[in-house]
Amino acid sequence: MRYIIVLGSNCGLREKAVKEAIEFIASFCKVDFVTPVYESPDCLGTGHRYMNAVAAITSSLALEALILRFKRYEEESGRTLRSRALGLVPIDIDVVASEDEILRPSDFNSSYFKEGYALLPSELKLLKNPIC
């Protein structure tokens, strides 16, 4: 199954965190394409700017199993209740779309996602006729 994901980090070595997360994902998924890492404004109101990337990946994992792996990695990378309360995001990995379905409309419509999604080659854009 092909998925479109967005990655982001707003604290510490932000670019490094995003690149390391891509390496982690490549250890169990095929990374078909990943955008360069780019900076985007704070979307939480904390004032912390983000480094983001968008990727097209292929995985044999079911969506739920994939999300669970991503959330476990986030926690191991320091994403805790305390960091959330402070608006600090060491790493965030979200599955925005799968095949022709938008799974996270708020992310799909965000400027931080659209910037990266625009860089995907057209043949990797799953959302020809998206369903919200």
N, C-alpha and C. Protein backbone atom coordinates (compact mmCIF):
# COMPACT_ATOMS: atom_id res chain seq x y z
N MET A 1 0.85 -1.17 0.00
CA MET A 1 0.00 0.00 0.00
C MET A 1 0.90 1.24 0.00
N ARG A 2 0.51 2.23 -0.78
CA ARG A 2 1.27 3.49 -0.82
C ARG A 2 0.63 4.48 0.13
N TYR A 3 1.48 5.23 0.81
CA TYR A 3 1.05 6.25 1.77
C TYR A 3 1.81 7.54 1.48
N ILE A 4 1.17 8.66 1.80
CA ILE A 4 1.83 9.96 1.78
C ILE A 4 1.92 10.41 3.23
N ILE A 5 3.13 10.73 3.67
CA ILE A 5 3.34 11.13 5.06
C ILE A 5 3.96 12.51 5.13
N VAL A 6 3.77 13.15 6.28
CA VAL A 6 4.44 14.42 6.55
C VAL A 6 5.20 14.25 7.86
N LEU A 7 6.40 14.79 7.88
CA LEU A 7 7.24 14.74 9.06
C LEU A 7 7.55 16.16 9.48
N GLY A 8 7.68 16.38 10.79
CA GLY A 8 8.02 17.70 11.26
C GLY A 8 8.70 17.67 12.62
N SER A 9 9.50 18.70 12.86
CA SER A 9 10.18 18.86 14.15
C SER A 9 10.33 20.36 14.40
N ASN A 10 10.08 20.76 15.65
CA ASN A 10 10.21 22.20 15.97
C ASN A 10 11.16 22.48 17.13
N CYS A 11 11.99 21.51 17.50
CA CYS A 11 12.94 21.77 18.59
C CYS A 11 14.20 20.95 18.39
N GLY A 12 15.25 21.38 19.04
CA GLY A 12 16.52 20.68 18.93
C GLY A 12 17.09 20.80 17.53
N LEU A 13 17.73 19.75 17.09
CA LEU A 13 18.30 19.70 15.75
C LEU A 13 17.20 19.25 14.79
N ARG A 14 16.39 20.18 14.39
CA ARG A 14 15.15 19.89 13.66
C ARG A 14 15.39 19.15 12.34
N GLU A 15 16.29 19.64 11.54
CA GLU A 15 16.54 18.99 10.24
C GLU A 15 17.08 17.58 10.44
N LYS A 16 17.98 17.43 11.39
CA LYS A 16 18.55 16.11 11.69
C LYS A 16 17.46 15.15 12.15
N ALA A 17 16.54 15.62 12.97
CA ALA A 17 15.46 14.76 13.47
C ALA A 17 14.60 14.25 12.32
N VAL A 18 14.30 15.13 11.37
CA VAL A 18 13.48 14.72 10.22
C VAL A 18 14.24 13.70 9.37
N LYS A 19 15.51 13.96 9.11
CA LYS A 19 16.31 13.03 8.30
C LYS A 19 16.47 11.67 8.99
N GLU A 20 16.66 11.68 10.29
CA GLU A 20 16.78 10.41 11.03
C GLU A 20 15.47 9.64 11.01
N ALA A 21 14.35 10.35 11.06
CA ALA A 21 13.05 9.68 10.99
C ALA A 21 12.86 9.02 9.62
N ILE A 22 13.31 9.69 8.56
CA ILE A 22 13.24 9.09 7.23
C ILE A 22 14.09 7.82 7.17
N GLU A 23 15.28 7.86 7.77
CA GLU A 23 16.13 6.66 7.82
C GLU A 23 15.43 5.54 8.57
N PHE A 24 14.78 5.87 9.69
CA PHE A 24 14.03 4.87 10.44
C PHE A 24 12.94 4.26 9.57
N ILE A 25 12.18 5.08 8.87
CA ILE A 25 11.09 4.60 8.02
C ILE A 25 11.64 3.71 6.91
N ALA A 26 12.78 4.08 6.34
CA ALA A 26 13.40 3.29 5.27
C ALA A 26 13.85 1.91 5.75
N SER A 27 13.95 1.72 7.05
CA SER A 27 14.36 0.41 7.58
C SER A 27 13.25 -0.63 7.49
N PHE A 28 12.00 -0.20 7.25
CA PHE A 28 10.91 -1.17 7.13
C PHE A 28 9.89 -0.82 6.05
N CYS A 29 10.11 0.27 5.33
CA CYS A 29 9.24 0.67 4.22
C CYS A 29 10.11 1.03 3.03
N LYS A 30 9.52 1.01 1.86
CA LYS A 30 10.20 1.54 0.68
C LYS A 30 9.87 3.02 0.59
N VAL A 31 10.90 3.85 0.63
CA VAL A 31 10.71 5.29 0.49
C VAL A 31 10.81 5.59 -1.00
N ASP A 32 9.66 5.85 -1.62
CA ASP A 32 9.60 6.10 -3.05
C ASP A 32 10.13 7.48 -3.41
N PHE A 33 9.90 8.45 -2.54
CA PHE A 33 10.36 9.82 -2.77
C PHE A 33 10.25 10.57 -1.46
N VAL A 34 11.23 11.41 -1.20
CA VAL A 34 11.16 12.31 -0.05
C VAL A 34 11.61 13.68 -0.51
N THR A 35 10.88 14.69 -0.08
CA THR A 35 11.23 16.05 -0.44
C THR A 35 12.48 16.49 0.33
N PRO A 36 13.12 17.52 -0.13
CA PRO A 36 14.14 18.13 0.72
C PRO A 36 13.45 18.64 2.00
N VAL A 37 14.20 18.74 3.06
CA VAL A 37 13.66 19.28 4.31
C VAL A 37 13.53 20.79 4.13
N TYR A 38 12.39 21.33 4.56
CA TYR A 38 12.12 22.76 4.40
C TYR A 38 11.54 23.31 5.70
N GLU A 39 11.70 24.61 5.89
CA GLU A 39 11.21 25.27 7.10
C GLU A 39 9.82 25.83 6.87
N SER A 40 8.99 25.72 7.91
CA SER A 40 7.64 26.28 7.84
C SER A 40 7.33 26.98 9.16
N PRO A 41 6.39 27.92 9.11
CA PRO A 41 6.03 28.66 10.33
C PRO A 41 5.36 27.77 11.37
N ASP A 42 5.37 28.25 12.56
CA ASP A 42 4.68 27.61 13.69
C ASP A 42 3.18 27.54 13.38
N CYS A 43 2.60 26.38 13.62
CA CYS A 43 1.15 26.24 13.41
C CYS A 43 0.42 26.03 14.73
N LEU A 44 1.15 25.97 15.83
CA LEU A 44 0.54 25.71 17.14
C LEU A 44 0.41 26.96 18.00
N GLY A 45 1.02 28.05 17.56
CA GLY A 45 0.97 29.27 18.36
C GLY A 45 2.04 29.35 19.43
N THR A 46 3.06 28.48 19.34
CA THR A 46 4.13 28.48 20.35
C THR A 46 5.32 29.34 19.92
N GLY A 47 5.37 29.69 18.64
CA GLY A 47 6.49 30.47 18.14
C GLY A 47 7.66 29.64 17.65
N HIS A 48 7.58 28.31 17.77
CA HIS A 48 8.66 27.42 17.34
C HIS A 48 8.46 27.06 15.86
N ARG A 49 9.41 27.46 15.02
CA ARG A 49 9.33 27.13 13.59
C ARG A 49 9.65 25.64 13.38
N TYR A 50 9.10 25.09 12.34
CA TYR A 50 9.25 23.66 12.03
C TYR A 50 10.19 23.44 10.87
N MET A 51 10.80 22.28 10.86
CA MET A 51 11.43 21.73 9.67
C MET A 51 10.52 20.56 9.28
N ASN A 52 10.17 20.49 8.00
CA ASN A 52 9.24 19.48 7.52
C ASN A 52 9.78 18.77 6.29
N ALA A 53 9.18 17.63 6.00
CA ALA A 53 9.40 16.92 4.74
C ALA A 53 8.13 16.12 4.47
N VAL A 54 7.87 15.88 3.21
CA VAL A 54 6.77 15.03 2.79
C VAL A 54 7.38 13.85 2.03
N ALA A 55 6.83 12.67 2.24
CA ALA A 55 7.36 11.49 1.57
C ALA A 55 6.24 10.60 1.06
N ALA A 56 6.52 9.93 -0.04
CA ALA A 56 5.66 8.86 -0.56
C ALA A 56 6.35 7.57 -0.20
N ILE A 57 5.65 6.70 0.50
CA ILE A 57 6.24 5.43 0.93
C ILE A 57 5.32 4.28 0.53
N THR A 58 5.92 3.11 0.42
CA THR A 58 5.16 1.88 0.17
C THR A 58 5.47 0.92 1.30
N SER A 59 4.41 0.31 1.84
CA SER A 59 4.59 -0.61 2.96
C SER A 59 3.59 -1.74 2.88
N SER A 60 3.99 -2.89 3.34
CA SER A 60 3.07 -4.02 3.44
C SER A 60 2.28 -3.96 4.75
N LEU A 61 2.68 -3.04 5.63
CA LEU A 61 1.97 -2.91 6.91
C LEU A 61 0.59 -2.29 6.71
N ALA A 62 -0.34 -2.75 7.52
CA ALA A 62 -1.66 -2.13 7.55
C ALA A 62 -1.52 -0.74 8.16
N LEU A 63 -2.44 0.13 7.83
CA LEU A 63 -2.39 1.52 8.29
C LEU A 63 -2.21 1.61 9.80
N GLU A 64 -2.99 0.87 10.56
CA GLU A 64 -2.93 0.93 12.02
C GLU A 64 -1.55 0.54 12.54
N ALA A 65 -0.96 -0.50 11.95
CA ALA A 65 0.37 -0.96 12.37
C ALA A 65 1.43 0.09 12.03
N LEU A 66 1.29 0.71 10.88
CA LEU A 66 2.22 1.75 10.47
C LEU A 66 2.17 2.94 11.43
N ILE A 67 0.96 3.39 11.73
CA ILE A 67 0.79 4.52 12.66
C ILE A 67 1.37 4.17 14.02
N LEU A 68 1.12 2.97 14.50
CA LEU A 68 1.66 2.54 15.79
C LEU A 68 3.18 2.60 15.79
N ARG A 69 3.82 2.15 14.73
CA ARG A 69 5.29 2.23 14.64
C ARG A 69 5.76 3.67 14.68
N PHE A 70 5.06 4.55 13.95
CA PHE A 70 5.44 5.96 13.94
C PHE A 70 5.29 6.58 15.33
N LYS A 71 4.19 6.29 16.01
CA LYS A 71 3.96 6.88 17.33
C LYS A 71 4.98 6.36 18.34
N ARG A 72 5.35 5.10 18.24
CA ARG A 72 6.37 4.54 19.13
C ARG A 72 7.71 5.25 18.89
N TYR A 73 8.05 5.48 17.63
CA TYR A 73 9.29 6.19 17.31
C TYR A 73 9.26 7.61 17.85
N GLU A 74 8.13 8.28 17.71
CA GLU A 74 8.00 9.64 18.25
C GLU A 74 8.27 9.65 19.76
N GLU A 75 7.67 8.71 20.48
CA GLU A 75 7.87 8.64 21.93
C GLU A 75 9.33 8.36 22.26
N GLU A 76 9.95 7.43 21.54
CA GLU A 76 11.36 7.11 21.78
C GLU A 76 12.28 8.29 21.46
N SER A 77 11.80 9.18 20.63
CA SER A 77 12.58 10.37 20.24
C SER A 77 12.31 11.57 21.15
N GLY A 78 11.50 11.37 22.19
CA GLY A 78 11.28 12.43 23.17
C GLY A 78 9.94 13.12 23.12
N ARG A 79 9.02 12.63 22.31
CA ARG A 79 7.69 13.24 22.25
C ARG A 79 6.87 12.67 23.41
N THR A 80 6.73 13.47 24.44
CA THR A 80 6.07 13.04 25.67
C THR A 80 4.91 13.98 25.98
N LEU A 81 4.18 13.65 27.02
CA LEU A 81 3.10 14.53 27.47
C LEU A 81 3.66 15.90 27.85
N ARG A 82 4.83 15.90 28.49
CA ARG A 82 5.46 17.17 28.89
C ARG A 82 5.86 18.01 27.67
N SER A 83 6.49 17.36 26.68
CA SER A 83 6.89 18.11 25.49
C SER A 83 5.67 18.65 24.75
N ARG A 84 4.61 17.85 24.72
CA ARG A 84 3.36 18.31 24.08
C ARG A 84 2.81 19.54 24.81
N ALA A 85 2.83 19.50 26.13
CA ALA A 85 2.30 20.62 26.92
C ALA A 85 3.10 21.89 26.67
N LEU A 86 4.40 21.74 26.39
CA LEU A 86 5.26 22.89 26.12
C LEU A 86 5.25 23.32 24.65
N GLY A 87 4.54 22.55 23.81
CA GLY A 87 4.50 22.86 22.39
C GLY A 87 5.77 22.46 21.65
N LEU A 88 6.55 21.55 22.26
CA LEU A 88 7.80 21.10 21.66
C LEU A 88 7.56 19.77 20.95
N VAL A 89 8.01 19.69 19.71
CA VAL A 89 7.79 18.49 18.90
C VAL A 89 9.15 18.00 18.39
N PRO A 90 9.78 17.06 19.12
CA PRO A 90 11.06 16.52 18.66
C PRO A 90 10.92 15.89 17.27
N ILE A 91 9.83 15.14 17.06
CA ILE A 91 9.51 14.59 15.74
C ILE A 91 8.02 14.23 15.75
N ASP A 92 7.40 14.49 14.61
CA ASP A 92 6.00 14.13 14.38
C ASP A 92 5.94 13.49 13.00
N ILE A 93 5.30 12.33 12.92
CA ILE A 93 5.14 11.62 11.65
C ILE A 93 3.66 11.29 11.50
N ASP A 94 3.04 11.83 10.47
CA ASP A 94 1.62 11.59 10.26
C ASP A 94 1.36 11.04 8.87
N VAL A 95 0.47 10.05 8.81
CA VAL A 95 0.03 9.51 7.54
C VAL A 95 -1.13 10.39 7.08
N VAL A 96 -0.90 11.14 6.04
CA VAL A 96 -1.89 12.10 5.55
C VAL A 96 -2.85 11.45 4.57
N ALA A 97 -2.34 10.53 3.75
CA ALA A 97 -3.19 9.90 2.74
C ALA A 97 -2.74 8.47 2.48
N SER A 98 -3.69 7.67 2.06
CA SER A 98 -3.42 6.30 1.68
C SER A 98 -4.23 6.02 0.43
N GLU A 99 -3.54 5.56 -0.61
CA GLU A 99 -4.17 5.36 -1.92
C GLU A 99 -4.91 6.65 -2.32
N ASP A 100 -6.23 6.62 -2.48
CA ASP A 100 -6.96 7.83 -2.89
C ASP A 100 -7.82 8.39 -1.77
N GLU A 101 -7.40 8.16 -0.53
CA GLU A 101 -8.17 8.64 0.62
C GLU A 101 -7.36 9.60 1.46
N ILE A 102 -7.92 10.75 1.75
CA ILE A 102 -7.30 11.71 2.66
C ILE A 102 -7.66 11.27 4.07
N LEU A 103 -6.64 10.96 4.86
CA LEU A 103 -6.85 10.47 6.22
C LEU A 103 -6.82 11.59 7.25
N ARG A 104 -6.10 12.65 6.93
CA ARG A 104 -5.95 13.78 7.84
C ARG A 104 -6.22 15.07 7.07
N PRO A 105 -7.49 15.44 6.90
CA PRO A 105 -7.82 16.62 6.11
C PRO A 105 -7.16 17.91 6.60
N SER A 106 -7.01 18.05 7.92
CA SER A 106 -6.39 19.29 8.42
C SER A 106 -4.93 19.38 7.98
N ASP A 107 -4.21 18.26 7.99
CA ASP A 107 -2.83 18.26 7.49
C ASP A 107 -2.83 18.47 5.98
N PHE A 108 -3.70 17.76 5.26
CA PHE A 108 -3.74 17.85 3.81
C PHE A 108 -3.95 19.28 3.33
N ASN A 109 -4.75 20.04 4.07
CA ASN A 109 -5.06 21.42 3.69
C ASN A 109 -4.11 22.45 4.27
N SER A 110 -3.12 22.02 5.04
CA SER A 110 -2.20 22.95 5.68
C SER A 110 -1.12 23.41 4.71
N SER A 111 -0.60 24.60 4.95
CA SER A 111 0.47 25.13 4.09
C SER A 111 1.74 24.29 4.23
N TYR A 112 2.02 23.77 5.44
CA TYR A 112 3.25 22.99 5.62
C TYR A 112 3.22 21.69 4.83
N PHE A 113 2.04 21.11 4.65
CA PHE A 113 1.93 19.89 3.84
C PHE A 113 1.92 20.23 2.35
N LYS A 114 1.13 21.22 1.98
CA LYS A 114 1.00 21.58 0.56
C LYS A 114 2.35 21.94 -0.06
N GLU A 115 3.20 22.62 0.72
CA GLU A 115 4.52 22.99 0.21
C GLU A 115 5.32 21.76 -0.21
N GLY A 116 5.33 20.74 0.63
CA GLY A 116 6.06 19.52 0.31
C GLY A 116 5.36 18.67 -0.73
N TYR A 117 4.03 18.56 -0.61
CA TYR A 117 3.26 17.74 -1.55
C TYR A 117 3.44 18.23 -2.98
N ALA A 118 3.56 19.54 -3.16
CA ALA A 118 3.76 20.12 -4.49
C ALA A 118 5.06 19.63 -5.13
N LEU A 119 6.01 19.19 -4.32
CA LEU A 119 7.31 18.73 -4.83
C LEU A 119 7.31 17.27 -5.24
N LEU A 120 6.26 16.53 -4.88
CA LEU A 120 6.20 15.11 -5.26
C LEU A 120 6.02 14.99 -6.77
N PRO A 121 6.69 14.03 -7.39
CA PRO A 121 6.44 13.78 -8.81
C PRO A 121 4.97 13.40 -9.01
N SER A 122 4.39 13.82 -10.11
CA SER A 122 2.95 13.62 -10.33
C SER A 122 2.56 12.15 -10.27
N GLU A 123 3.44 11.26 -10.71
CA GLU A 123 3.09 9.83 -10.69
C GLU A 123 3.01 9.27 -9.27
N LEU A 124 3.55 9.98 -8.30
CA LEU A 124 3.48 9.53 -6.91
C LEU A 124 2.36 10.19 -6.14
N LYS A 125 1.72 11.16 -6.71
CA LYS A 125 0.59 11.82 -6.05
C LYS A 125 -0.61 10.89 -6.14
N LEU A 126 -0.99 10.36 -5.02
CA LEU A 126 -2.05 9.37 -4.99
C LEU A 126 -3.43 9.99 -5.17
N LEU A 127 -3.52 11.23 -4.88
CA LEU A 127 -4.83 11.86 -4.73
C LEU A 127 -5.33 12.47 -6.03
N LYS A 128 -5.55 11.61 -7.02
CA LYS A 128 -6.08 12.08 -8.29
C LYS A 128 -7.54 12.54 -8.10
N ASN A 129 -8.30 11.73 -7.39
CA ASN A 129 -9.70 12.02 -7.07
C ASN A 129 -9.90 11.77 -5.58
N PRO A 130 -9.37 12.66 -4.75
CA PRO A 130 -9.35 12.40 -3.30
C PRO A 130 -10.73 12.32 -2.67
N ILE A 131 -10.81 11.42 -1.68
CA ILE A 131 -12.01 11.27 -0.86
C ILE A 131 -11.65 11.76 0.52
N CYS A 132 -12.43 12.70 1.05
CA CYS A 132 -12.20 13.20 2.41
C CYS A 132 -13.05 12.42 3.38
